[in-house]
């Protein structure tokens, strides 16, 4: 497992731009056309998602894509 850099910031400097996606998505997901979806989730759940994504070094978008993919793969028996 790769060593993660601690999150740091200073008040005197402007925020840095987000880095490119970390590439944790498989190549099929990374190369496909994207569709925008929207969902309203509890604020606490969103904060947890955002924090976990940051600590994992991935974008929230990547984490959502991975979660949806894993859910669909593990619940295929209900898809009729």
N, C-alpha and C. Protein backbone atom coordinates (compact mmCIF):
# COMPACT_ATOMS: atom_id res chain seq x y z
N UNK A 1 0.84 -1.18 0.00
CA UNK A 1 0.00 0.00 0.00
C UNK A 1 0.89 1.24 0.00
N UNK A 2 0.53 2.19 -0.82
CA UNK A 2 1.32 3.41 -0.95
C UNK A 2 1.17 4.29 0.29
N UNK A 3 2.24 4.99 0.60
CA UNK A 3 2.20 5.92 1.72
C UNK A 3 1.43 7.16 1.30
N UNK A 4 0.55 7.61 2.14
CA UNK A 4 -0.25 8.78 1.84
C UNK A 4 0.36 10.01 2.49
N UNK A 5 0.34 11.11 1.76
CA UNK A 5 0.82 12.36 2.31
C UNK A 5 -0.25 12.95 3.23
N UNK A 6 0.15 13.53 4.36
CA UNK A 6 -0.85 14.17 5.22
C UNK A 6 -1.42 15.40 4.55
N UNK A 7 -2.67 15.69 4.84
CA UNK A 7 -3.30 16.89 4.30
C UNK A 7 -2.80 18.09 5.08
N UNK A 8 -2.29 19.08 4.35
CA UNK A 8 -1.80 20.29 5.00
C UNK A 8 -2.33 21.51 4.26
N UNK A 9 -2.36 22.63 4.94
CA UNK A 9 -2.77 23.87 4.33
C UNK A 9 -2.22 25.03 5.14
N UNK A 10 -2.18 26.20 4.50
CA UNK A 10 -1.80 27.40 5.21
C UNK A 10 -2.83 28.47 4.91
N UNK A 11 -3.03 29.34 5.84
CA UNK A 11 -4.02 30.40 5.68
C UNK A 11 -3.53 31.47 4.72
N UNK A 12 -2.21 31.64 4.62
CA UNK A 12 -1.64 32.72 3.83
C UNK A 12 -1.56 32.43 2.33
N UNK A 13 -1.80 31.19 1.92
CA UNK A 13 -1.70 30.83 0.51
C UNK A 13 -3.07 30.45 -0.04
N UNK A 14 -3.31 30.75 -1.32
CA UNK A 14 -4.58 30.34 -1.91
C UNK A 14 -4.64 28.81 -2.02
N UNK A 15 -5.84 28.25 -2.08
CA UNK A 15 -5.95 26.80 -2.19
C UNK A 15 -5.35 26.31 -3.51
N UNK A 16 -4.79 25.11 -3.47
CA UNK A 16 -4.23 24.53 -4.68
C UNK A 16 -5.35 23.92 -5.50
N UNK A 17 -5.12 23.86 -6.79
CA UNK A 17 -6.10 23.24 -7.67
C UNK A 17 -6.10 21.74 -7.43
N UNK A 18 -7.25 21.11 -7.66
CA UNK A 18 -7.35 19.67 -7.50
C UNK A 18 -6.41 18.98 -8.49
N UNK A 19 -5.87 17.88 -8.06
CA UNK A 19 -4.99 17.11 -8.93
C UNK A 19 -5.81 16.24 -9.85
N UNK A 20 -5.17 15.70 -10.83
CA UNK A 20 -5.84 14.81 -11.77
C UNK A 20 -6.30 13.56 -11.04
N UNK A 21 -7.30 12.88 -11.57
CA UNK A 21 -7.75 11.64 -10.94
C UNK A 21 -6.59 10.68 -10.73
N UNK A 22 -6.67 9.92 -9.66
CA UNK A 22 -5.57 9.05 -9.28
C UNK A 22 -5.44 7.81 -10.14
N UNK A 23 -6.44 7.53 -10.97
CA UNK A 23 -6.33 6.36 -11.84
C UNK A 23 -6.73 5.07 -11.16
N UNK A 24 -7.47 5.14 -10.05
CA UNK A 24 -7.88 3.93 -9.36
C UNK A 24 -9.03 3.23 -10.07
N UNK A 25 -9.70 3.91 -10.98
CA UNK A 25 -10.77 3.29 -11.74
C UNK A 25 -10.17 2.33 -12.75
N UNK A 26 -10.90 1.26 -13.04
CA UNK A 26 -10.37 0.36 -14.06
C UNK A 26 -10.44 1.05 -15.42
N UNK A 27 -9.71 0.54 -16.39
CA UNK A 27 -9.60 1.22 -17.68
C UNK A 27 -10.94 1.32 -18.40
N UNK A 28 -11.84 0.35 -18.24
CA UNK A 28 -13.15 0.43 -18.88
C UNK A 28 -13.94 1.62 -18.37
N UNK A 29 -13.91 1.86 -17.06
CA UNK A 29 -14.65 2.96 -16.48
C UNK A 29 -14.01 4.30 -16.85
N UNK A 30 -12.69 4.35 -16.89
CA UNK A 30 -12.00 5.60 -17.17
C UNK A 30 -12.20 6.06 -18.61
N UNK A 31 -12.40 5.13 -19.54
CA UNK A 31 -12.48 5.48 -20.95
C UNK A 31 -13.91 5.71 -21.43
N UNK A 32 -14.90 5.47 -20.62
CA UNK A 32 -16.28 5.57 -21.08
C UNK A 32 -16.79 7.01 -21.00
N UNK A 33 -17.81 7.27 -21.81
CA UNK A 33 -18.46 8.57 -21.79
C UNK A 33 -19.17 8.74 -20.45
N UNK A 34 -19.18 9.93 -19.94
CA UNK A 34 -19.78 10.20 -18.63
C UNK A 34 -21.18 10.79 -18.78
N UNK A 35 -22.05 10.47 -17.84
CA UNK A 35 -23.37 11.07 -17.71
C UNK A 35 -23.45 11.65 -16.30
N UNK A 36 -24.02 12.82 -16.20
CA UNK A 36 -24.15 13.46 -14.90
C UNK A 36 -25.38 12.93 -14.19
N UNK A 37 -25.23 12.64 -12.92
CA UNK A 37 -26.36 12.22 -12.09
C UNK A 37 -26.40 13.12 -10.87
N UNK A 38 -27.54 13.19 -10.27
CA UNK A 38 -27.68 14.00 -9.07
C UNK A 38 -28.40 13.20 -7.99
N UNK A 39 -28.03 13.44 -6.78
CA UNK A 39 -28.68 12.78 -5.66
C UNK A 39 -28.59 13.68 -4.45
N UNK A 40 -29.61 13.66 -3.67
CA UNK A 40 -29.59 14.41 -2.41
C UNK A 40 -29.33 13.40 -1.30
N UNK A 41 -28.22 13.61 -0.58
CA UNK A 41 -27.87 12.72 0.52
C UNK A 41 -27.70 13.57 1.77
N UNK A 42 -27.83 12.96 2.94
CA UNK A 42 -27.65 13.73 4.18
C UNK A 42 -26.26 14.38 4.23
N UNK A 43 -26.21 15.58 4.79
CA UNK A 43 -24.96 16.33 4.85
C UNK A 43 -23.87 15.54 5.56
N UNK A 44 -24.22 14.86 6.62
CA UNK A 44 -23.22 14.07 7.37
C UNK A 44 -22.62 12.99 6.48
N UNK A 45 -23.45 12.32 5.70
CA UNK A 45 -22.97 11.27 4.80
C UNK A 45 -22.05 11.86 3.74
N UNK A 46 -22.40 13.03 3.20
CA UNK A 46 -21.55 13.68 2.21
C UNK A 46 -20.20 14.06 2.81
N UNK A 47 -20.19 14.60 4.03
CA UNK A 47 -18.93 14.96 4.68
C UNK A 47 -18.06 13.73 4.87
N UNK A 48 -18.67 12.61 5.26
CA UNK A 48 -17.92 11.37 5.43
C UNK A 48 -17.34 10.90 4.09
N UNK A 49 -18.14 10.98 3.04
CA UNK A 49 -17.70 10.59 1.70
C UNK A 49 -16.52 11.45 1.26
N UNK A 50 -16.65 12.75 1.42
CA UNK A 50 -15.61 13.67 0.98
C UNK A 50 -14.31 13.45 1.77
N UNK A 51 -14.44 13.25 3.07
CA UNK A 51 -13.26 13.00 3.90
C UNK A 51 -12.59 11.69 3.52
N UNK A 52 -13.38 10.63 3.33
CA UNK A 52 -12.81 9.33 2.97
C UNK A 52 -12.12 9.40 1.62
N UNK A 53 -12.72 10.12 0.67
CA UNK A 53 -12.10 10.27 -0.65
C UNK A 53 -10.76 11.00 -0.52
N UNK A 54 -10.73 12.07 0.26
CA UNK A 54 -9.49 12.84 0.44
C UNK A 54 -8.42 11.98 1.10
N UNK A 55 -8.79 11.25 2.13
CA UNK A 55 -7.82 10.41 2.82
C UNK A 55 -7.33 9.25 1.94
N UNK A 56 -8.16 8.83 1.00
CA UNK A 56 -7.79 7.74 0.09
C UNK A 56 -7.05 8.25 -1.13
N UNK A 57 -7.02 9.56 -1.31
CA UNK A 57 -6.32 10.14 -2.45
C UNK A 57 -7.07 10.02 -3.76
N UNK A 58 -8.40 9.96 -3.68
CA UNK A 58 -9.22 9.88 -4.90
C UNK A 58 -10.23 11.02 -4.89
N UNK A 59 -10.79 11.30 -6.04
CA UNK A 59 -11.84 12.30 -6.13
C UNK A 59 -13.16 11.69 -5.65
N UNK A 60 -14.07 12.54 -5.17
CA UNK A 60 -15.39 12.08 -4.75
C UNK A 60 -16.06 11.35 -5.92
N UNK A 61 -15.92 11.89 -7.13
CA UNK A 61 -16.51 11.26 -8.31
C UNK A 61 -16.02 9.82 -8.47
N UNK A 62 -14.72 9.61 -8.30
CA UNK A 62 -14.17 8.25 -8.42
C UNK A 62 -14.75 7.33 -7.35
N UNK A 63 -14.84 7.84 -6.13
CA UNK A 63 -15.35 7.01 -5.05
C UNK A 63 -16.81 6.63 -5.30
N UNK A 64 -17.60 7.57 -5.81
CA UNK A 64 -19.01 7.28 -6.11
C UNK A 64 -19.10 6.25 -7.23
N UNK A 65 -18.27 6.40 -8.28
CA UNK A 65 -18.28 5.43 -9.37
C UNK A 65 -17.90 4.03 -8.88
N UNK A 66 -16.90 3.94 -8.04
CA UNK A 66 -16.47 2.66 -7.50
C UNK A 66 -17.58 2.05 -6.64
N UNK A 67 -18.20 2.87 -5.80
CA UNK A 67 -19.27 2.37 -4.93
C UNK A 67 -20.45 1.86 -5.74
N UNK A 68 -20.84 2.59 -6.78
CA UNK A 68 -21.96 2.15 -7.61
C UNK A 68 -21.61 0.85 -8.32
N UNK A 69 -20.41 0.79 -8.86
CA UNK A 69 -19.97 -0.41 -9.57
C UNK A 69 -19.95 -1.63 -8.63
N UNK A 70 -19.39 -1.45 -7.44
CA UNK A 70 -19.35 -2.56 -6.47
C UNK A 70 -20.76 -2.98 -6.05
N UNK A 71 -21.64 -2.02 -5.84
CA UNK A 71 -23.01 -2.34 -5.47
C UNK A 71 -23.69 -3.16 -6.57
N UNK A 72 -23.56 -2.70 -7.81
CA UNK A 72 -24.18 -3.41 -8.92
C UNK A 72 -23.61 -4.81 -9.09
N UNK A 73 -22.31 -4.96 -8.91
CA UNK A 73 -21.67 -6.28 -9.05
C UNK A 73 -22.08 -7.24 -7.94
N UNK A 74 -22.31 -6.72 -6.73
CA UNK A 74 -22.66 -7.58 -5.60
C UNK A 74 -24.16 -7.81 -5.45
N UNK A 75 -24.95 -7.06 -6.18
CA UNK A 75 -26.41 -7.20 -6.09
C UNK A 75 -27.02 -7.55 -7.44
N UNK A 76 -26.26 -8.25 -8.26
CA UNK A 76 -26.71 -8.59 -9.62
C UNK A 76 -27.92 -9.50 -9.61
N UNK A 77 -28.08 -10.32 -8.58
CA UNK A 77 -29.19 -11.26 -8.54
C UNK A 77 -30.55 -10.57 -8.47
N UNK A 78 -30.60 -9.33 -8.05
CA UNK A 78 -31.86 -8.59 -7.96
C UNK A 78 -32.18 -7.80 -9.22
N UNK A 79 -31.28 -7.80 -10.20
CA UNK A 79 -31.48 -7.01 -11.41
C UNK A 79 -32.22 -7.81 -12.46
N UNK A 80 -33.52 -7.73 -12.45
CA UNK A 80 -34.32 -8.45 -13.46
C UNK A 80 -35.15 -7.51 -14.25
